[in-house]
């Protein structure tokens, strides 16, 4: 494996919200989405450059790993998800973060205010 994931979006919170809103709109509220669902949404939003950053937040750890191994790309799921969760929650405490949690289980995260689709 030689390639690695792209640099993160400049505004991680806005990107995560945009992808999350579209995922919920198209596929309903799920604990985890599939790689293909996240890829579809990022193409629709014309944000495919950061697809891995969407995947780290909305795809299960095992599916994320399997996908990246299959394409020969090296991405650190835990580190990427921690960065995205920190951007979403405003929390800088790693003690509250568990990479295996779904986006619905992130600590200190008010889902209703993050995703306007629930209003």
PDB file of N, CA and C in Angstrom:
ATOM      1  N   UNK A   1       0.833  -1.181   0.000  1.00  0.00           N
ATOM      2  CA  UNK A   1       0.000   0.000   0.000  1.00  0.00           C
ATOM      3  C   UNK A   1       0.874   1.238   0.000  1.00  0.00           C
ATOM      4  N   UNK A   2       0.528   2.179  -0.859  1.00  0.00           N
ATOM      5  CA  UNK A   2       1.378   3.348  -0.922  1.00  0.00           C
ATOM      6  C   UNK A   2       0.619   4.666  -0.816  1.00  0.00           C
ATOM      7  N   UNK A   3      -0.546   4.753  -1.384  1.00  0.00           N
ATOM      8  CA  UNK A   3      -1.282   6.006  -1.366  1.00  0.00           C
ATOM      9  C   UNK A   3      -1.938   6.229  -0.008  1.00  0.00           C
ATOM     10  N   UNK A   4      -2.258   7.478   0.284  1.00  0.00           N
ATOM     11  CA  UNK A   4      -2.973   7.778   1.510  1.00  0.00           C
ATOM     12  C   UNK A   4      -4.108   8.742   1.202  1.00  0.00           C
ATOM     13  N   UNK A   5      -4.983   8.911   2.156  1.00  0.00           N
ATOM     14  CA  UNK A   5      -6.147   9.772   1.957  1.00  0.00           C
ATOM     15  C   UNK A   5      -5.737  11.218   1.736  1.00  0.00           C
ATOM     16  N   UNK A   6      -6.617  11.921   1.099  1.00  0.00           N
ATOM     17  CA  UNK A   6      -6.392  13.328   0.790  1.00  0.00           C
ATOM     18  C   UNK A   6      -6.404  14.174   2.052  1.00  0.00           C
ATOM     19  N   UNK A   7      -6.002  15.418   1.881  1.00  0.00           N
ATOM     20  CA  UNK A   7      -6.088  16.352   3.000  1.00  0.00           C
ATOM     21  C   UNK A   7      -7.558  16.568   3.346  1.00  0.00           C
ATOM     22  N   UNK A   8      -7.840  16.915   4.574  1.00  0.00           N
ATOM     23  CA  UNK A   8      -9.235  17.064   4.992  1.00  0.00           C
ATOM     24  C   UNK A   8      -9.884  18.314   4.402  1.00  0.00           C
ATOM     25  N   UNK A   9     -11.206  18.341   4.424  1.00  0.00           N
ATOM     26  CA  UNK A   9     -11.888  19.557   3.977  1.00  0.00           C
ATOM     27  C   UNK A   9     -11.535  20.712   4.910  1.00  0.00           C
ATOM     28  N   UNK A  10     -11.522  21.921   4.384  1.00  0.00           N
ATOM     29  CA  UNK A  10     -11.179  23.078   5.223  1.00  0.00           C
ATOM     30  C   UNK A  10     -12.179  23.256   6.350  1.00  0.00           C
ATOM     31  N   UNK A  11     -13.442  23.118   6.039  1.00  0.00           N
ATOM     32  CA  UNK A  11     -14.485  23.242   7.055  1.00  0.00           C
ATOM     33  C   UNK A  11     -15.079  21.854   7.293  1.00  0.00           C
ATOM     34  N   UNK A  12     -14.449  21.119   8.201  1.00  0.00           N
ATOM     35  CA  UNK A  12     -14.858  19.736   8.469  1.00  0.00           C
ATOM     36  C   UNK A  12     -16.299  19.660   8.963  1.00  0.00           C
ATOM     37  N   UNK A  13     -16.687  20.581   9.815  1.00  0.00           N
ATOM     38  CA  UNK A  13     -18.036  20.552  10.373  1.00  0.00           C
ATOM     39  C   UNK A  13     -19.077  20.735   9.271  1.00  0.00           C
ATOM     40  N   UNK A  14     -18.892  21.713   8.422  1.00  0.00           N
ATOM     41  CA  UNK A  14     -19.849  21.965   7.337  1.00  0.00           C
ATOM     42  C   UNK A  14     -19.903  20.769   6.390  1.00  0.00           C
ATOM     43  N   UNK A  15     -18.746  20.194   6.087  1.00  0.00           N
ATOM     44  CA  UNK A  15     -18.708  19.027   5.204  1.00  0.00           C
ATOM     45  C   UNK A  15     -19.444  17.846   5.838  1.00  0.00           C
ATOM     46  N   UNK A  16     -19.171  17.576   7.105  1.00  0.00           N
ATOM     47  CA  UNK A  16     -19.818  16.458   7.805  1.00  0.00           C
ATOM     48  C   UNK A  16     -21.329  16.656   7.851  1.00  0.00           C
ATOM     49  N   UNK A  17     -21.759  17.872   8.107  1.00  0.00           N
ATOM     50  CA  UNK A  17     -23.186  18.163   8.155  1.00  0.00           C
ATOM     51  C   UNK A  17     -23.833  17.979   6.783  1.00  0.00           C
ATOM     52  N   UNK A  18     -23.182  18.475   5.766  1.00  0.00           N
ATOM     53  CA  UNK A  18     -23.722  18.368   4.413  1.00  0.00           C
ATOM     54  C   UNK A  18     -23.862  16.907   3.985  1.00  0.00           C
ATOM     55  N   UNK A  19     -22.822  16.128   4.208  1.00  0.00           N
ATOM     56  CA  UNK A  19     -22.858  14.708   3.857  1.00  0.00           C
ATOM     57  C   UNK A  19     -23.902  13.988   4.708  1.00  0.00           C
ATOM     58  N   UNK A  20     -23.921  14.260   5.999  1.00  0.00           N
ATOM     59  CA  UNK A  20     -24.876  13.626   6.892  1.00  0.00           C
ATOM     60  C   UNK A  20     -26.318  13.935   6.528  1.00  0.00           C
ATOM     61  N   UNK A  21     -26.592  15.178   6.225  1.00  0.00           N
ATOM     62  CA  UNK A  21     -27.949  15.567   5.830  1.00  0.00           C
ATOM     63  C   UNK A  21     -28.390  14.821   4.580  1.00  0.00           C
ATOM     64  N   UNK A  22     -27.497  14.726   3.612  1.00  0.00           N
ATOM     65  CA  UNK A  22     -27.835  14.056   2.357  1.00  0.00           C
ATOM     66  C   UNK A  22     -27.999  12.546   2.557  1.00  0.00           C
ATOM     67  N   UNK A  23     -27.158  11.953   3.401  1.00  0.00           N
ATOM     68  CA  UNK A  23     -27.296  10.526   3.697  1.00  0.00           C
ATOM     69  C   UNK A  23     -28.654  10.234   4.332  1.00  0.00           C
ATOM     70  N   UNK A  24     -29.043  11.038   5.310  1.00  0.00           N
ATOM     71  CA  UNK A  24     -30.324  10.843   5.979  1.00  0.00           C
ATOM     72  C   UNK A  24     -31.466  11.059   4.986  1.00  0.00           C
ATOM     73  N   UNK A  25     -31.345  12.068   4.167  1.00  0.00           N
ATOM     74  CA  UNK A  25     -32.394  12.365   3.180  1.00  0.00           C
ATOM     75  C   UNK A  25     -32.584  11.207   2.203  1.00  0.00           C
ATOM     76  N   UNK A  26     -31.483  10.643   1.723  1.00  0.00           N
ATOM     77  CA  UNK A  26     -31.561   9.598   0.698  1.00  0.00           C
ATOM     78  C   UNK A  26     -31.747   8.183   1.253  1.00  0.00           C
ATOM     79  N   UNK A  27     -31.181   7.905   2.439  1.00  0.00           N
ATOM     80  CA  UNK A  27     -31.163   6.530   2.944  1.00  0.00           C
ATOM     81  C   UNK A  27     -31.799   6.356   4.311  1.00  0.00           C
ATOM     82  N   UNK A  28     -32.310   7.417   4.891  1.00  0.00           N
ATOM     83  CA  UNK A  28     -32.866   7.328   6.231  1.00  0.00           C
ATOM     84  C   UNK A  28     -31.762   7.370   7.280  1.00  0.00           C
ATOM     85  N   UNK A  29     -32.162   7.454   8.519  1.00  0.00           N
ATOM     86  CA  UNK A  29     -31.202   7.534   9.628  1.00  0.00           C
ATOM     87  C   UNK A  29     -30.726   6.128   9.975  1.00  0.00           C
ATOM     88  N   UNK A  30     -29.430   5.901   9.795  1.00  0.00           N
ATOM     89  CA  UNK A  30     -28.816   4.601  10.088  1.00  0.00           C
ATOM     90  C   UNK A  30     -27.612   4.792  11.004  1.00  0.00           C
ATOM     91  N   UNK A  31     -27.285   3.743  11.705  1.00  0.00           N
ATOM     92  CA  UNK A  31     -26.089   3.766  12.557  1.00  0.00           C
ATOM     93  C   UNK A  31     -24.842   3.933  11.691  1.00  0.00           C
ATOM     94  N   UNK A  32     -24.751   3.152  10.629  1.00  0.00           N
ATOM     95  CA  UNK A  32     -23.646   3.256   9.677  1.00  0.00           C
ATOM     96  C   UNK A  32     -24.211   3.169   8.270  1.00  0.00           C
ATOM     97  N   UNK A  33     -23.550   3.828   7.351  1.00  0.00           N
ATOM     98  CA  UNK A  33     -23.909   3.759   5.930  1.00  0.00           C
ATOM     99  C   UNK A  33     -22.856   2.936   5.211  1.00  0.00           C
ATOM    100  N   UNK A  34     -23.187   2.460   4.019  1.00  0.00           N
ATOM    101  CA  UNK A  34     -22.226   1.678   3.241  1.00  0.00           C
ATOM    102  C   UNK A  34     -21.265   2.618   2.512  1.00  0.00           C
ATOM    103  N   UNK A  35     -20.152   2.056   2.099  1.00  0.00           N
ATOM    104  CA  UNK A  35     -19.184   2.811   1.308  1.00  0.00           C
ATOM    105  C   UNK A  35     -19.862   3.369   0.061  1.00  0.00           C
ATOM    106  N   UNK A  36     -20.655   2.541  -0.609  1.00  0.00           N
ATOM    107  CA  UNK A  36     -21.296   2.997  -1.848  1.00  0.00           C
ATOM    108  C   UNK A  36     -22.294   4.127  -1.592  1.00  0.00           C
ATOM    109  N   UNK A  37     -22.982   4.103  -0.462  1.00  0.00           N
ATOM    110  CA  UNK A  37     -23.909   5.193  -0.138  1.00  0.00           C
ATOM    111  C   UNK A  37     -23.157   6.502   0.080  1.00  0.00           C
ATOM    112  N   UNK A  38     -22.057   6.443   0.806  1.00  0.00           N
ATOM    113  CA  UNK A  38     -21.264   7.658   1.044  1.00  0.00           C
ATOM    114  C   UNK A  38     -20.648   8.140  -0.268  1.00  0.00           C
ATOM    115  N   UNK A  39     -20.160   7.237  -1.083  1.00  0.00           N
ATOM    116  CA  UNK A  39     -19.610   7.631  -2.382  1.00  0.00           C
ATOM    117  C   UNK A  39     -20.674   8.308  -3.235  1.00  0.00           C
ATOM    118  N   UNK A  40     -21.859   7.747  -3.275  1.00  0.00           N
ATOM    119  CA  UNK A  40     -22.950   8.329  -4.061  1.00  0.00           C
ATOM    120  C   UNK A  40     -23.266   9.756  -3.592  1.00  0.00           C
ATOM    121  N   UNK A  41     -23.386   9.925  -2.292  1.00  0.00           N
ATOM    122  CA  UNK A  41     -23.716  11.237  -1.735  1.00  0.00           C
ATOM    123  C   UNK A  41     -22.612  12.251  -2.026  1.00  0.00           C
ATOM    124  N   UNK A  42     -21.363  11.854  -1.871  1.00  0.00           N
ATOM    125  CA  UNK A  42     -20.279  12.813  -2.129  1.00  0.00           C
ATOM    126  C   UNK A  42     -20.209  13.194  -3.607  1.00  0.00           C
ATOM    127  N   UNK A  43     -20.554  12.263  -4.490  1.00  0.00           N
ATOM    128  CA  UNK A  43     -20.624  12.609  -5.927  1.00  0.00           C
ATOM    129  C   UNK A  43     -21.762  13.585  -6.182  1.00  0.00           C
ATOM    130  N   UNK A  44     -22.909  13.321  -5.568  1.00  0.00           N
ATOM    131  CA  UNK A  44     -24.075  14.204  -5.711  1.00  0.00           C
ATOM    132  C   UNK A  44     -23.740  15.611  -5.225  1.00  0.00           C
ATOM    133  N   UNK A  45     -23.009  15.705  -4.137  1.00  0.00           N
ATOM    134  CA  UNK A  45     -22.654  16.997  -3.547  1.00  0.00           C
ATOM    135  C   UNK A  45     -21.403  17.610  -4.184  1.00  0.00           C
ATOM    136  N   UNK A  46     -20.843  16.909  -5.139  1.00  0.00           N
ATOM    137  CA  UNK A  46     -19.604  17.350  -5.799  1.00  0.00           C
ATOM    138  C   UNK A  46     -18.477  17.589  -4.782  1.00  0.00           C
ATOM    139  N   UNK A  47     -18.395  16.682  -3.824  1.00  0.00           N
ATOM    140  CA  UNK A  47     -17.352  16.773  -2.801  1.00  0.00           C
ATOM    141  C   UNK A  47     -16.553  15.476  -2.737  1.00  0.00           C
ATOM    142  N   UNK A  48     -16.399  14.835  -3.881  1.00  0.00           N
ATOM    143  CA  UNK A  48     -15.732  13.535  -3.948  1.00  0.00           C
ATOM    144  C   UNK A  48     -14.266  13.606  -3.507  1.00  0.00           C
ATOM    145  N   UNK A  49     -13.671  14.780  -3.542  1.00  0.00           N
ATOM    146  CA  UNK A  49     -12.276  14.921  -3.108  1.00  0.00           C
ATOM    147  C   UNK A  49     -12.079  14.528  -1.651  1.00  0.00           C
ATOM    148  N   UNK A  50     -13.132  14.581  -0.868  1.00  0.00           N
ATOM    149  CA  UNK A  50     -13.027  14.284   0.560  1.00  0.00           C
ATOM    150  C   UNK A  50     -13.830  13.052   0.947  1.00  0.00           C
ATOM    151  N   UNK A  51     -14.110  12.175   0.003  1.00  0.00           N
ATOM    152  CA  UNK A  51     -14.965  11.024   0.279  1.00  0.00           C
ATOM    153  C   UNK A  51     -14.474  10.208   1.478  1.00  0.00           C
ATOM    154  N   UNK A  52     -13.177  10.047   1.640  1.00  0.00           N
ATOM    155  CA  UNK A  52     -12.647   9.280   2.781  1.00  0.00           C
ATOM    156  C   UNK A  52     -13.016   9.940   4.103  1.00  0.00           C
ATOM    157  N   UNK A  53     -13.077  11.258   4.108  1.00  0.00           N
ATOM    158  CA  UNK A  53     -13.418  11.985   5.326  1.00  0.00           C
ATOM    159  C   UNK A  53     -14.888  11.802   5.665  1.00  0.00           C
ATOM    160  N   UNK A  54     -15.724  11.634   4.665  1.00  0.00           N
ATOM    161  CA  UNK A  54     -17.119  11.289   4.906  1.00  0.00           C
ATOM    162  C   UNK A  54     -17.242   9.855   5.372  1.00  0.00           C
ATOM    163  N   UNK A  55     -16.468   8.983   4.756  1.00  0.00           N
ATOM    164  CA  UNK A  55     -16.507   7.570   5.133  1.00  0.00           C
ATOM    165  C   UNK A  55     -16.086   7.361   6.579  1.00  0.00           C
ATOM    166  N   UNK A  56     -15.063   8.061   7.027  1.00  0.00           N
ATOM    167  CA  UNK A  56     -14.575   7.825   8.392  1.00  0.00           C
ATOM    168  C   UNK A  56     -15.622   8.172   9.435  1.00  0.00           C
ATOM    169  N   UNK A  57     -16.557   9.028   9.092  1.00  0.00           N
ATOM    170  CA  UNK A  57     -17.594   9.421  10.035  1.00  0.00           C
ATOM    171  C   UNK A  57     -18.845   8.556   9.929  1.00  0.00           C
ATOM    172  N   UNK A  58     -19.173   8.109   8.730  1.00  0.00           N
ATOM    173  CA  UNK A  58     -20.469   7.468   8.508  1.00  0.00           C
ATOM    174  C   UNK A  58     -20.408   5.980   8.145  1.00  0.00           C
ATOM    175  N   UNK A  59     -19.229   5.426   7.903  1.00  0.00           N
ATOM    176  CA  UNK A  59     -19.071   4.009   7.539  1.00  0.00           C
ATOM    177  C   UNK A  59     -18.484   3.273   8.745  1.00  0.00           C
ATOM    178  N   UNK A  60     -18.833   2.019   8.908  1.00  0.00           N
ATOM    179  CA  UNK A  60     -18.305   1.241  10.040  1.00  0.00           C
ATOM    180  C   UNK A  60     -16.790   1.093   9.919  1.00  0.00           C
ATOM    181  N   UNK A  61     -16.108   0.927  11.041  1.00  0.00           N
ATOM    182  CA  UNK A  61     -14.654   0.763  11.009  1.00  0.00           C
ATOM    183  C   UNK A  61     -14.212  -0.402  10.110  1.00  0.00           C
ATOM    184  N   UNK A  62     -14.916  -1.520  10.193  1.00  0.00           N
ATOM    185  CA  UNK A  62     -14.497  -2.683   9.397  1.00  0.00           C
ATOM    186  C   UNK A  62     -14.708  -2.458   7.900  1.00  0.00           C
ATOM    187  N   UNK A  63     -15.821  -1.858   7.517  1.00  0.00           N
ATOM    188  CA  UNK A  63     -16.056  -1.608   6.090  1.00  0.00           C
ATOM    189  C   UNK A  63     -15.085  -0.561   5.549  1.00  0.00           C
ATOM    190  N   UNK A  64     -14.777   0.449   6.356  1.00  0.00           N
ATOM    191  CA  UNK A  64     -13.788   1.462   5.986  1.00  0.00           C
ATOM    192  C   UNK A  64     -12.446   0.787   5.699  1.00  0.00           C
ATOM    193  N   UNK A  65     -12.014  -0.066   6.626  1.00  0.00           N
ATOM    194  CA  UNK A  65     -10.733  -0.776   6.483  1.00  0.00           C
ATOM    195  C   UNK A  65     -10.728  -1.690   5.266  1.00  0.00           C
ATOM    196  N   UNK A  66     -11.776  -2.468   5.100  1.00  0.00           N
ATOM    197  CA  UNK A  66     -11.858  -3.385   3.952  1.00  0.00           C
ATOM    198  C   UNK A  66     -11.797  -2.627   2.635  1.00  0.00           C
ATOM    199  N   UNK A  67     -12.527  -1.542   2.544  1.00  0.00           N
ATOM    200  CA  UNK A  67     -12.542  -0.749   1.319  1.00  0.00           C
ATOM    201  C   UNK A  67     -11.137  -0.228   1.004  1.00  0.00           C
ATOM    202  N   UNK A  68     -10.480   0.368   1.987  1.00  0.00           N
ATOM    203  CA  UNK A  68      -9.157   0.953   1.745  1.00  0.00           C
ATOM    204  C   UNK A  68      -8.106  -0.101   1.427  1.00  0.00           C
ATOM    205  N   UNK A  69      -8.199  -1.252   2.057  1.00  0.00           N
ATOM    206  CA  UNK A  69      -7.278  -2.339   1.718  1.00  0.00           C
ATOM    207  C   UNK A  69      -7.510  -2.797   0.283  1.00  0.00           C
ATOM    208  N   UNK A  70      -8.765  -2.841  -0.149  1.00  0.00           N
ATOM    209  CA  UNK A  70      -9.081  -3.312  -1.504  1.00  0.00           C
ATOM    210  C   UNK A  70      -8.555  -2.376  -2.596  1.00  0.00           C
ATOM    211  N   UNK A  71      -8.399  -1.083  -2.267  1.00  0.00           N
ATOM    212  CA  UNK A  71      -7.895  -0.139  -3.278  1.00  0.00           C
ATOM    213  C   UNK A  71      -6.436   0.244  -3.037  1.00  0.00           C
ATOM    214  N   UNK A  72      -5.815  -0.363  -2.034  1.00  0.00           N
ATOM    215  CA  UNK A  72      -4.403  -0.110  -1.762  1.00  0.00           C
ATOM    216  C   UNK A  72      -4.124   1.262  -1.185  1.00  0.00           C
ATOM    217  N   UNK A  73      -5.078   1.787  -0.444  1.00  0.00           N
ATOM    218  CA  UNK A  73      -4.924   3.108   0.149  1.00  0.00           C
ATOM    219  C   UNK A  73      -4.790   2.968   1.662  1.00  0.00           C
ATOM    220  N   UNK A  74      -3.939   3.778   2.248  1.00  0.00           N
ATOM    221  CA  UNK A  74      -3.712   3.728   3.689  1.00  0.00           C
ATOM    222  C   UNK A  74      -4.353   4.957   4.323  1.00  0.00           C
ATOM    223  N   UNK A  75      -5.332   4.723   5.154  1.00  0.00           N
ATOM    224  CA  UNK A  75      -5.990   5.805   5.881  1.00  0.00           C
ATOM    225  C   UNK A  75      -6.166   5.379   7.325  1.00  0.00           C
ATOM    226  N   UNK A  76      -5.928   6.279   8.237  1.00  0.00           N
ATOM    227  CA  UNK A  76      -6.052   5.989   9.655  1.00  0.00           C
ATOM    228  C   UNK A  76      -7.467   6.359  10.117  1.00  0.00           C
ATOM    229  N   UNK A  77      -8.335   5.368  10.171  1.00  0.00           N
ATOM    230  CA  UNK A  77      -9.742   5.561  10.516  1.00  0.00           C
ATOM    231  C   UNK A  77      -9.902   6.306  11.843  1.00  0.00           C
ATOM    232  N   UNK A  78      -9.240   5.831  12.873  1.00  0.00           N
ATOM    233  CA  UNK A  78      -9.399   6.419  14.207  1.00  0.00           C
ATOM    234  C   UNK A  78      -8.971   7.876  14.236  1.00  0.00           C
ATOM    235  N   UNK A  79      -7.846   8.164  13.642  1.00  0.00           N
ATOM    236  CA  UNK A  79      -7.349   9.539  13.631  1.00  0.00           C
ATOM    237  C   UNK A  79      -8.276  10.450  12.831  1.00  0.00           C
ATOM    238  N   UNK A  80      -8.705   9.985  11.662  1.00  0.00           N
ATOM    239  CA  UNK A  80      -9.588  10.792  10.822  1.00  0.00           C
ATOM    240  C   UNK A  80     -10.933  11.013  11.509  1.00  0.00           C
ATOM    241  N   UNK A  81     -11.485   9.958  12.086  1.00  0.00           N
ATOM    242  CA  UNK A  81     -12.787  10.078  12.745  1.00  0.00           C
ATOM    243  C   UNK A  81     -12.690  10.995  13.955  1.00  0.00           C
ATOM    244  N   UNK A  82     -11.592  10.912  14.676  1.00  0.00           N
ATOM    245  CA  UNK A  82     -11.385  11.792  15.824  1.00  0.00           C
ATOM    246  C   UNK A  82     -11.366  13.255  15.382  1.00  0.00           C
ATOM    247  N   UNK A  83     -10.685  13.546  14.283  1.00  0.00           N
ATOM    248  CA  UNK A  83     -10.646  14.917  13.757  1.00  0.00           C
ATOM    249  C   UNK A  83     -12.050  15.399  13.377  1.00  0.00           C
ATOM    250  N   UNK A  84     -12.807  14.538  12.705  1.00  0.00           N
ATOM    251  CA  UNK A  84     -14.160  14.910  12.283  1.00  0.00           C
ATOM    252  C   UNK A  84     -15.082  15.066  13.494  1.00  0.00           C
ATOM    253  N   UNK A  85     -14.988  14.165  14.456  1.00  0.00           N
ATOM    254  CA  UNK A  85     -15.833  14.246  15.645  1.00  0.00           C
ATOM    255  C   UNK A  85     -15.513  15.500  16.447  1.00  0.00           C
ATOM    256  N   UNK A  86     -14.247  15.841  16.542  1.00  0.00           N
ATOM    257  CA  UNK A  86     -13.850  17.057  17.251  1.00  0.00           C
ATOM    258  C   UNK A  86     -14.435  18.280  16.568  1.00  0.00           C
ATOM    259  N   UNK A  87     -14.405  18.296  15.245  1.00  0.00           N
ATOM    260  CA  UNK A  87     -14.984  19.423  14.499  1.00  0.00           C
ATOM    261  C   UNK A  87     -16.492  19.516  14.727  1.00  0.00           C
ATOM    262  N   UNK A  88     -17.158  18.385  14.788  1.00  0.00           N
ATOM    263  CA  UNK A  88     -18.611  18.371  14.972  1.00  0.00           C
ATOM    264  C   UNK A  88     -19.044  18.725  16.384  1.00  0.00           C
ATOM    265  N   UNK A  89     -18.340  18.190  17.363  1.00  0.00           N
ATOM    266  CA  UNK A  89     -18.766  18.359  18.749  1.00  0.00           C
ATOM    267  C   UNK A  89     -18.145  19.565  19.423  1.00  0.00           C
ATOM    268  N   UNK A  90     -17.055  20.069  18.861  1.00  0.00           N
ATOM    269  CA  UNK A  90     -16.363  21.167  19.505  1.00  0.00           C
ATOM    270  C   UNK A  90     -15.550  20.711  20.695  1.00  0.00           C
ATOM    271  N   UNK A  91     -15.528  19.404  20.938  1.00  0.00           N
ATOM    272  CA  UNK A  91     -14.804  18.837  22.070  1.00  0.00           C
ATOM    273  C   UNK A  91     -13.374  18.541  21.659  1.00  0.00           C
ATOM    274  N   UNK A  92     -12.454  18.816  22.542  1.00  0.00           N
ATOM    275  CA  UNK A  92     -11.057  18.495  22.268  1.00  0.00           C
ATOM    276  C   UNK A  92     -10.566  17.365  23.149  1.00  0.00           C
ATOM    277  N   UNK A  93     -11.468  16.754  23.872  1.00  0.00           N
ATOM    278  CA  UNK A  93     -11.088  15.688  24.790  1.00  0.00           C
ATOM    279  C   UNK A  93     -11.146  14.333  24.102  1.00  0.00           C
ATOM    280  N   UNK A  94     -10.001  13.703  23.948  1.00  0.00           N
ATOM    281  CA  UNK A  94      -9.953  12.360  23.376  1.00  0.00           C
ATOM    282  C   UNK A  94     -10.568  11.325  24.321  1.00  0.00           C
ATOM    283  N   UNK A  95     -10.674  11.662  25.603  1.00  0.00           N
ATOM    284  CA  UNK A  95     -11.216  10.700  26.559  1.00  0.00           C
ATOM    285  C   UNK A  95     -12.691  10.411  26.293  1.00  0.00           C
ATOM    286  N   UNK A  96     -13.375  11.309  25.611  1.00  0.00           N
ATOM    287  CA  UNK A  96     -14.789  11.114  25.291  1.00  0.00           C
ATOM    288  C   UNK A  96     -14.990  10.394  23.972  1.00  0.00           C
ATOM    289  N   UNK A  97     -13.908  10.164  23.243  1.00  0.00           N
ATOM    290  CA  UNK A  97     -14.032   9.659  21.889  1.00  0.00           C
ATOM    291  C   UNK A  97     -13.713   8.176  21.797  1.00  0.00           C
ATOM    292  N   UNK A  98     -14.575   7.449  21.101  1.00  0.00           N
ATOM    293  CA  UNK A  98     -14.378   6.040  20.808  1.00  0.00           C
ATOM    294  C   UNK A  98     -14.620   5.869  19.316  1.00  0.00           C
ATOM    295  N   UNK A  99     -13.607   5.474  18.570  1.00  0.00           N
ATOM    296  CA  UNK A  99     -13.700   5.381  17.108  1.00  0.00           C
ATOM    297  C   UNK A  99     -14.743   4.379  16.641  1.00  0.00           C
ATOM    298  N   UNK A 100     -15.120   3.435  17.479  1.00  0.00           N
ATOM    299  CA  UNK A 100     -16.109   2.436  17.073  1.00  0.00           C
ATOM    300  C   UNK A 100     -17.547   2.943  17.159  1.00  0.00           C
ATOM    301  N   UNK A 101     -17.748   4.094  17.764  1.00  0.00           N
ATOM    302  CA  UNK A 101     -19.092   4.645  17.870  1.00  0.00           C
ATOM    303  C   UNK A 101     -19.591   5.097  16.506  1.00  0.00           C
ATOM    304  N   UNK A 102     -20.885   4.971  16.292  1.00  0.00           N
ATOM    305  CA  UNK A 102     -21.461   5.524  15.071  1.00  0.00           C
ATOM    306  C   UNK A 102     -21.637   7.025  15.266  1.00  0.00           C
ATOM    307  N   UNK A 103     -21.913   7.720  14.193  1.00  0.00           N
ATOM    308  CA  UNK A 103     -22.112   9.164  14.265  1.00  0.00           C
ATOM    309  C   UNK A 103     -23.287   9.514  15.166  1.00  0.00           C
ATOM    310  N   UNK A 104     -24.233   8.602  15.343  1.00  0.00           N
ATOM    311  CA  UNK A 104     -25.388   8.840  16.205  1.00  0.00           C
ATOM    312  C   UNK A 104     -25.028   8.768  17.684  1.00  0.00           C
ATOM    313  N   UNK A 105     -23.872   8.177  17.991  1.00  0.00           N
ATOM    314  CA  UNK A 105     -23.474   7.963  19.380  1.00  0.00           C
ATOM    315  C   UNK A 105     -22.349   8.888  19.842  1.00  0.00           C
ATOM    316  N   UNK A 106     -21.942   9.829  19.013  1.00  0.00           N
ATOM    317  CA  UNK A 106     -20.851  10.718  19.400  1.00  0.00           C
ATOM    318  C   UNK A 106     -21.248  11.506  20.646  1.00  0.00           C
ATOM    319  N   UNK A 107     -20.333  11.677  21.594  1.00  0.00           N
ATOM    320  CA  UNK A 107     -20.659  12.388  22.832  1.00  0.00           C
ATOM    321  C   UNK A 107     -20.905  13.872  22.580  1.00  0.00           C
ATOM    322  N   UNK A 108     -21.768  14.453  23.401  1.00  0.00           N
ATOM    323  CA  UNK A 108     -22.038  15.892  23.349  1.00  0.00           C
ATOM    324  C   UNK A 108     -22.488  16.362  21.970  1.00  0.00           C
ATOM    325  N   UNK A 109     -23.189  15.514  21.269  1.00  0.00           N
ATOM    326  CA  UNK A 109     -23.601  15.869  19.921  1.00  0.00           C
ATOM    327  C   UNK A 109     -25.119  15.954  19.877  1.00  0.00           C
ATOM    328  N   UNK A 110     -25.616  17.151  19.643  1.00  0.00           N
ATOM    329  CA  UNK A 110     -27.048  17.366  19.503  1.00  0.00           C
ATOM    330  C   UNK A 110     -27.400  17.171  18.045  1.00  0.00           C
ATOM    331  N   UNK A 111     -27.843  15.968  17.700  1.00  0.00           N
ATOM    332  CA  UNK A 111     -28.125  15.604  16.316  1.00  0.00           C
ATOM    333  C   UNK A 111     -29.151  16.530  15.687  1.00  0.00           C
ATOM    334  N   UNK A 112     -30.189  16.904  16.422  1.00  0.00           N
ATOM    335  CA  UNK A 112     -31.250  17.715  15.842  1.00  0.00           C
ATOM    336  C   UNK A 112     -30.740  19.077  15.390  1.00  0.00           C
ATOM    337  N   UNK A 113     -29.791  19.661  16.098  1.00  0.00           N
ATOM    338  CA  UNK A 113     -29.285  20.961  15.675  1.00  0.00           C
ATOM    339  C   UNK A 113     -28.250  20.828  14.563  1.00  0.00           C
ATOM    340  N   UNK A 114     -27.607  19.673  14.496  1.00  0.00           N
ATOM    341  CA  UNK A 114     -26.592  19.476  13.479  1.00  0.00           C
ATOM    342  C   UNK A 114     -27.215  19.217  12.112  1.00  0.00           C
ATOM    343  N   UNK A 115     -28.290  18.469  12.088  1.00  0.00           N
ATOM    344  CA  UNK A 115     -28.920  18.108  10.835  1.00  0.00           C
ATOM    345  C   UNK A 115     -30.309  18.708  10.772  1.00  0.00           C
ATOM    346  N   UNK A 116     -30.486  19.698   9.959  1.00  0.00           N
ATOM    347  CA  UNK A 116     -31.748  20.401   9.851  1.00  0.00           C
ATOM    348  C   UNK A 116     -32.864  19.506   9.327  1.00  0.00           C
ATOM    349  N   UNK A 117     -32.518  18.363   8.762  1.00  0.00           N
ATOM    350  CA  UNK A 117     -33.518  17.450   8.226  1.00  0.00           C
ATOM    351  C   UNK A 117     -34.422  16.908   9.328  1.00  0.00           C
ATOM    352  N   UNK A 118     -33.961  16.926  10.594  1.00  0.00           N
ATOM    353  CA  UNK A 118     -34.769  16.411  11.695  1.00  0.00           C
ATOM    354  C   UNK A 118     -35.773  17.452  12.198  1.00  0.00           C
ATOM    355  N   UNK A 119     -35.671  18.689  11.744  1.00  0.00           N
ATOM    356  CA  UNK A 119     -36.593  19.744  12.190  1.00  0.00           C
ATOM    357  C   UNK A 119     -37.981  19.560  11.639  1.00  0.00           C
TER     358      UNK A 119
END
